[in-house]
Amino acid sequence: MENKTARLTVLIDPEKKKAFETLCAAQDLTPSQVVRQMIRDYLEKHGVGYASKSAIGSTKR
């Protein structure tokens, strides 16, 4: 988990939100967990590094 948290507000239509929440629940994940993973994947895909609590003392990023 990251060291500190910040809020990100995203506007989406209600139907997509409900479908997303339903899928997350079916996978026993919270929407926040899925969004954080998508952001990590997007950053990695584009070669953008960042510091996180879990990266401290680790050679893997």
PDB file of N, CA and C in Angstrom:
ATOM      1  N   MET A   1       0.848  -1.182   0.000  1.00  0.00           N
ATOM      2  CA  MET A   1       0.000   0.000   0.000  1.00  0.00           C
ATOM      3  C   MET A   1       0.887   1.236   0.000  1.00  0.00           C
ATOM      4  N   GLU A   2       0.425   2.268  -0.635  1.00  0.00           N
ATOM      5  CA  GLU A   2       1.175   3.506  -0.709  1.00  0.00           C
ATOM      6  C   GLU A   2       1.322   4.145   0.667  1.00  0.00           C
ATOM      7  N   ASN A   3       2.345   4.991   0.786  1.00  0.00           N
ATOM      8  CA  ASN A   3       2.681   5.629   2.056  1.00  0.00           C
ATOM      9  C   ASN A   3       1.558   6.552   2.533  1.00  0.00           C
ATOM     10  N   LYS A   4       1.104   7.451   1.690  1.00  0.00           N
ATOM     11  CA  LYS A   4       0.007   8.363   2.010  1.00  0.00           C
ATOM     12  C   LYS A   4      -1.032   8.230   0.913  1.00  0.00           C
ATOM     13  N   THR A   5      -2.210   8.719   1.186  1.00  0.00           N
ATOM     14  CA  THR A   5      -3.245   8.638   0.167  1.00  0.00           C
ATOM     15  C   THR A   5      -3.693  10.026  -0.251  1.00  0.00           C
ATOM     16  N   ALA A   6      -4.193  10.122  -1.472  1.00  0.00           N
ATOM     17  CA  ALA A   6      -4.770  11.349  -2.003  1.00  0.00           C
ATOM     18  C   ALA A   6      -6.041  10.949  -2.741  1.00  0.00           C
ATOM     19  N   ARG A   7      -6.976  11.832  -2.773  1.00  0.00           N
ATOM     20  CA  ARG A   7      -8.262  11.541  -3.407  1.00  0.00           C
ATOM     21  C   ARG A   7      -8.204  11.902  -4.891  1.00  0.00           C
ATOM     22  N   LEU A   8      -8.774  11.044  -5.720  1.00  0.00           N
ATOM     23  CA  LEU A   8      -8.911  11.277  -7.150  1.00  0.00           C
ATOM     24  C   LEU A   8     -10.391  11.130  -7.479  1.00  0.00           C
ATOM     25  N   THR A   9     -10.990  12.181  -7.983  1.00  0.00           N
ATOM     26  CA  THR A   9     -12.405  12.150  -8.315  1.00  0.00           C
ATOM     27  C   THR A   9     -12.553  11.932  -9.815  1.00  0.00           C
ATOM     28  N   VAL A  10     -13.343  10.949 -10.173  1.00  0.00           N
ATOM     29  CA  VAL A  10     -13.562  10.602 -11.570  1.00  0.00           C
ATOM     30  C   VAL A  10     -15.055  10.612 -11.838  1.00  0.00           C
ATOM     31  N   LEU A  11     -15.452  11.282 -12.895  1.00  0.00           N
ATOM     32  CA  LEU A  11     -16.861  11.321 -13.264  1.00  0.00           C
ATOM     33  C   LEU A  11     -17.108  10.319 -14.385  1.00  0.00           C
ATOM     34  N   ILE A  12     -18.039   9.388 -14.139  1.00  0.00           N
ATOM     35  CA  ILE A  12     -18.438   8.411 -15.147  1.00  0.00           C
ATOM     36  C   ILE A  12     -19.953   8.285 -15.110  1.00  0.00           C
ATOM     37  N   ASP A  13     -20.508   7.741 -16.181  1.00  0.00           N
ATOM     38  CA  ASP A  13     -21.970   7.626 -16.181  1.00  0.00           C
ATOM     39  C   ASP A  13     -22.400   6.531 -15.200  1.00  0.00           C
ATOM     40  N   PRO A  14     -23.590   6.678 -14.652  1.00  0.00           N
ATOM     41  CA  PRO A  14     -24.069   5.760 -13.608  1.00  0.00           C
ATOM     42  C   PRO A  14     -24.107   4.287 -14.022  1.00  0.00           C
ATOM     43  N   GLU A  15     -24.405   4.006 -15.276  1.00  0.00           N
ATOM     44  CA  GLU A  15     -24.466   2.613 -15.727  1.00  0.00           C
ATOM     45  C   GLU A  15     -23.090   1.955 -15.684  1.00  0.00           C
ATOM     46  N   LYS A  16     -22.063   2.685 -16.134  1.00  0.00           N
ATOM     47  CA  LYS A  16     -20.701   2.139 -16.084  1.00  0.00           C
ATOM     48  C   LYS A  16     -20.249   1.959 -14.638  1.00  0.00           C
ATOM     49  N   LYS A  17     -20.599   2.903 -13.780  1.00  0.00           N
ATOM     50  CA  LYS A  17     -20.225   2.813 -12.367  1.00  0.00           C
ATOM     51  C   LYS A  17     -20.839   1.564 -11.740  1.00  0.00           C
ATOM     52  N   LYS A  18     -22.114   1.346 -11.981  1.00  0.00           N
ATOM     53  CA  LYS A  18     -22.783   0.173 -11.404  1.00  0.00           C
ATOM     54  C   LYS A  18     -22.179  -1.120 -11.937  1.00  0.00           C
ATOM     55  N   ALA A  19     -21.928  -1.188 -13.238  1.00  0.00           N
ATOM     56  CA  ALA A  19     -21.325  -2.382 -13.836  1.00  0.00           C
ATOM     57  C   ALA A  19     -19.932  -2.631 -13.250  1.00  0.00           C
ATOM     58  N   PHE A  20     -19.154  -1.566 -13.084  1.00  0.00           N
ATOM     59  CA  PHE A  20     -17.808  -1.676 -12.516  1.00  0.00           C
ATOM     60  C   PHE A  20     -17.868  -2.173 -11.076  1.00  0.00           C
ATOM     61  N   GLU A  21     -18.759  -1.582 -10.272  1.00  0.00           N
ATOM     62  CA  GLU A  21     -18.893  -1.995  -8.875  1.00  0.00           C
ATOM     63  C   GLU A  21     -19.367  -3.447  -8.763  1.00  0.00           C
ATOM     64  N   THR A  22     -20.275  -3.859  -9.644  1.00  0.00           N
ATOM     65  CA  THR A  22     -20.775  -5.230  -9.642  1.00  0.00           C
ATOM     66  C   THR A  22     -19.650  -6.212  -9.980  1.00  0.00           C
ATOM     67  N   LEU A  23     -18.871  -5.894 -11.003  1.00  0.00           N
ATOM     68  CA  LEU A  23     -17.751  -6.749 -11.384  1.00  0.00           C
ATOM     69  C   LEU A  23     -16.714  -6.823 -10.267  1.00  0.00           C
ATOM     70  N   CYS A  24     -16.382  -5.695  -9.665  1.00  0.00           N
ATOM     71  CA  CYS A  24     -15.424  -5.681  -8.554  1.00  0.00           C
ATOM     72  C   CYS A  24     -15.919  -6.568  -7.412  1.00  0.00           C
ATOM     73  N   ALA A  25     -17.178  -6.432  -7.053  1.00  0.00           N
ATOM     74  CA  ALA A  25     -17.746  -7.235  -5.967  1.00  0.00           C
ATOM     75  C   ALA A  25     -17.685  -8.719  -6.298  1.00  0.00           C
ATOM     76  N   ALA A  26     -17.957  -9.065  -7.554  1.00  0.00           N
ATOM     77  CA  ALA A  26     -17.917 -10.464  -7.967  1.00  0.00           C
ATOM     78  C   ALA A  26     -16.503 -11.041  -7.867  1.00  0.00           C
ATOM     79  N   GLN A  27     -15.505 -10.167  -7.974  1.00  0.00           N
ATOM     80  CA  GLN A  27     -14.108 -10.588  -7.879  1.00  0.00           C
ATOM     81  C   GLN A  27     -13.543 -10.378  -6.479  1.00  0.00           C
ATOM     82  N   ASP A  28     -14.420 -10.029  -5.532  1.00  0.00           N
ATOM     83  CA  ASP A  28     -14.035  -9.781  -4.143  1.00  0.00           C
ATOM     84  C   ASP A  28     -12.950  -8.708  -4.037  1.00  0.00           C
ATOM     85  N   LEU A  29     -13.099  -7.648  -4.833  1.00  0.00           N
ATOM     86  CA  LEU A  29     -12.189  -6.510  -4.817  1.00  0.00           C
ATOM     87  C   LEU A  29     -13.004  -5.242  -4.642  1.00  0.00           C
ATOM     88  N   THR A  30     -12.372  -4.226  -4.071  1.00  0.00           N
ATOM     89  CA  THR A  30     -13.042  -2.931  -4.003  1.00  0.00           C
ATOM     90  C   THR A  30     -12.722  -2.157  -5.282  1.00  0.00           C
ATOM     91  N   PRO A  31     -13.603  -1.247  -5.667  1.00  0.00           N
ATOM     92  CA  PRO A  31     -13.292  -0.414  -6.829  1.00  0.00           C
ATOM     93  C   PRO A  31     -11.965   0.336  -6.652  1.00  0.00           C
ATOM     94  N   SER A  32     -11.667   0.788  -5.459  1.00  0.00           N
ATOM     95  CA  SER A  32     -10.407   1.491  -5.217  1.00  0.00           C
ATOM     96  C   SER A  32      -9.196   0.601  -5.478  1.00  0.00           C
ATOM     97  N   GLN A  33      -9.281  -0.658  -5.070  1.00  0.00           N
ATOM     98  CA  GLN A  33      -8.170  -1.581  -5.323  1.00  0.00           C
ATOM     99  C   GLN A  33      -7.937  -1.738  -6.825  1.00  0.00           C
ATOM    100  N   VAL A  34      -9.013  -1.867  -7.577  1.00  0.00           N
ATOM    101  CA  VAL A  34      -8.899  -2.063  -9.019  1.00  0.00           C
ATOM    102  C   VAL A  34      -8.351  -0.807  -9.692  1.00  0.00           C
ATOM    103  N   VAL A  35      -8.836   0.355  -9.297  1.00  0.00           N
ATOM    104  CA  VAL A  35      -8.351   1.604  -9.886  1.00  0.00           C
ATOM    105  C   VAL A  35      -6.875   1.806  -9.562  1.00  0.00           C
ATOM    106  N   ARG A  36      -6.465   1.536  -8.326  1.00  0.00           N
ATOM    107  CA  ARG A  36      -5.042   1.673  -7.983  1.00  0.00           C
ATOM    108  C   ARG A  36      -4.178   0.748  -8.831  1.00  0.00           C
ATOM    109  N   GLN A  37      -4.650  -0.494  -9.047  1.00  0.00           N
ATOM    110  CA  GLN A  37      -3.892  -1.423  -9.888  1.00  0.00           C
ATOM    111  C   GLN A  37      -3.828  -0.933 -11.331  1.00  0.00           C
ATOM    112  N   MET A  38      -4.933  -0.403 -11.846  1.00  0.00           N
ATOM    113  CA  MET A  38      -4.934   0.124 -13.216  1.00  0.00           C
ATOM    114  C   MET A  38      -3.945   1.280 -13.354  1.00  0.00           C
ATOM    115  N   ILE A  39      -3.877   2.137 -12.345  1.00  0.00           N
ATOM    116  CA  ILE A  39      -2.940   3.262 -12.382  1.00  0.00           C
ATOM    117  C   ILE A  39      -1.504   2.752 -12.352  1.00  0.00           C
ATOM    118  N   ARG A  40      -1.209   1.773 -11.468  1.00  0.00           N
ATOM    119  CA  ARG A  40       0.146   1.203 -11.430  1.00  0.00           C
ATOM    120  C   ARG A  40       0.518   0.595 -12.776  1.00  0.00           C
ATOM    121  N   ASP A  41      -0.411  -0.165 -13.374  1.00  0.00           N
ATOM    122  CA  ASP A  41      -0.156  -0.788 -14.671  1.00  0.00           C
ATOM    123  C   ASP A  41       0.093   0.266 -15.750  1.00  0.00           C
ATOM    124  N   TYR A  42      -0.683   1.338 -15.754  1.00  0.00           N
ATOM    125  CA  TYR A  42      -0.554   2.403 -16.753  1.00  0.00           C
ATOM    126  C   TYR A  42       0.796   3.104 -16.615  1.00  0.00           C
ATOM    127  N   LEU A  43       1.184   3.389 -15.383  1.00  0.00           N
ATOM    128  CA  LEU A  43       2.488   4.025 -15.154  1.00  0.00           C
ATOM    129  C   LEU A  43       3.628   3.121 -15.619  1.00  0.00           C
ATOM    130  N   GLU A  44       3.525   1.842 -15.280  1.00  0.00           N
ATOM    131  CA  GLU A  44       4.571   0.892 -15.687  1.00  0.00           C
ATOM    132  C   GLU A  44       4.636   0.775 -17.211  1.00  0.00           C
ATOM    133  N   LYS A  45       3.490   0.702 -17.851  1.00  0.00           N
ATOM    134  CA  LYS A  45       3.421   0.591 -19.309  1.00  0.00           C
ATOM    135  C   LYS A  45       4.137   1.744 -19.987  1.00  0.00           C
ATOM    136  N   HIS A  46       4.059   2.916 -19.384  1.00  0.00           N
ATOM    137  CA  HIS A  46       4.654   4.115 -19.978  1.00  0.00           C
ATOM    138  C   HIS A  46       6.005   4.465 -19.365  1.00  0.00           C
ATOM    139  N   GLY A  47       6.550   3.557 -18.578  1.00  0.00           N
ATOM    140  CA  GLY A  47       7.891   3.735 -18.033  1.00  0.00           C
ATOM    141  C   GLY A  47       8.021   4.855 -17.021  1.00  0.00           C
ATOM    142  N   VAL A  48       6.950   5.141 -16.320  1.00  0.00           N
ATOM    143  CA  VAL A  48       6.967   6.208 -15.320  1.00  0.00           C
ATOM    144  C   VAL A  48       7.198   5.595 -13.949  1.00  0.00           C
ATOM    145  N   GLY A  49       8.285   5.992 -13.302  1.00  0.00           N
ATOM    146  CA  GLY A  49       8.585   5.504 -11.967  1.00  0.00           C
ATOM    147  C   GLY A  49       7.970   6.393 -10.905  1.00  0.00           C
ATOM    148  N   TYR A  50       7.838   5.849  -9.742  1.00  0.00           N
ATOM    149  CA  TYR A  50       7.299   6.600  -8.607  1.00  0.00           C
ATOM    150  C   TYR A  50       7.790   5.941  -7.332  1.00  0.00           C
ATOM    151  N   ALA A  51       7.847   6.699  -6.273  1.00  0.00           N
ATOM    152  CA  ALA A  51       8.254   6.162  -4.975  1.00  0.00           C
ATOM    153  C   ALA A  51       7.009   5.718  -4.223  1.00  0.00           C
ATOM    154  N   SER A  52       7.099   4.568  -3.593  1.00  0.00           N
ATOM    155  CA  SER A  52       6.008   4.110  -2.746  1.00  0.00           C
ATOM    156  C   SER A  52       6.596   3.428  -1.528  1.00  0.00           C
ATOM    157  N   LYS A  53       5.803   3.309  -0.493  1.00  0.00           N
ATOM    158  CA  LYS A  53       6.255   2.678   0.745  1.00  0.00           C
ATOM    159  C   LYS A  53       6.760   1.271   0.478  1.00  0.00           C
ATOM    160  N   SER A  54       6.066   0.528  -0.394  1.00  0.00           N
ATOM    161  CA  SER A  54       6.454  -0.856  -0.658  1.00  0.00           C
ATOM    162  C   SER A  54       7.750  -0.941  -1.439  1.00  0.00           C
ATOM    163  N   ALA A  55       8.161   0.142  -2.116  1.00  0.00           N
ATOM    164  CA  ALA A  55       9.398   0.122  -2.898  1.00  0.00           C
ATOM    165  C   ALA A  55      10.614   0.455  -2.046  1.00  0.00           C
ATOM    166  N   ILE A  56      10.421   0.986  -0.846  1.00  0.00           N
ATOM    167  CA  ILE A  56      11.522   1.350   0.016  1.00  0.00           C
ATOM    168  C   ILE A  56      12.243   0.090   0.478  1.00  0.00           C
ATOM    169  N   GLY A  57      13.531   0.055   0.249  1.00  0.00           N
ATOM    170  CA  GLY A  57      14.329  -1.096   0.646  1.00  0.00           C
ATOM    171  C   GLY A  57      14.182  -2.285  -0.284  1.00  0.00           C
ATOM    172  N   SER A  58      13.528  -2.076  -1.403  1.00  0.00           N
ATOM    173  CA  SER A  58      13.315  -3.157  -2.353  1.00  0.00           C
ATOM    174  C   SER A  58      14.012  -2.811  -3.659  1.00  0.00           C
ATOM    175  N   THR A  59      14.501  -3.824  -4.342  1.00  0.00           N
ATOM    176  CA  THR A  59      15.136  -3.595  -5.638  1.00  0.00           C
ATOM    177  C   THR A  59      14.133  -3.707  -6.774  1.00  0.00           C
ATOM    178  N   LYS A  60      12.949  -4.239  -6.486  1.00  0.00           N
ATOM    179  CA  LYS A  60      11.916  -4.398  -7.509  1.00  0.00           C
ATOM    180  C   LYS A  60      10.991  -3.208  -7.538  1.00  0.00           C
ATOM    181  N   ARG A  61      10.614  -2.761  -8.727  1.00  0.00           N
ATOM    182  CA  ARG A  61       9.616  -1.708  -8.900  1.00  0.00           C
ATOM    183  C   ARG A  61       8.603  -2.131  -9.879  1.00  0.00           C
TER     184      ARG A  61
END
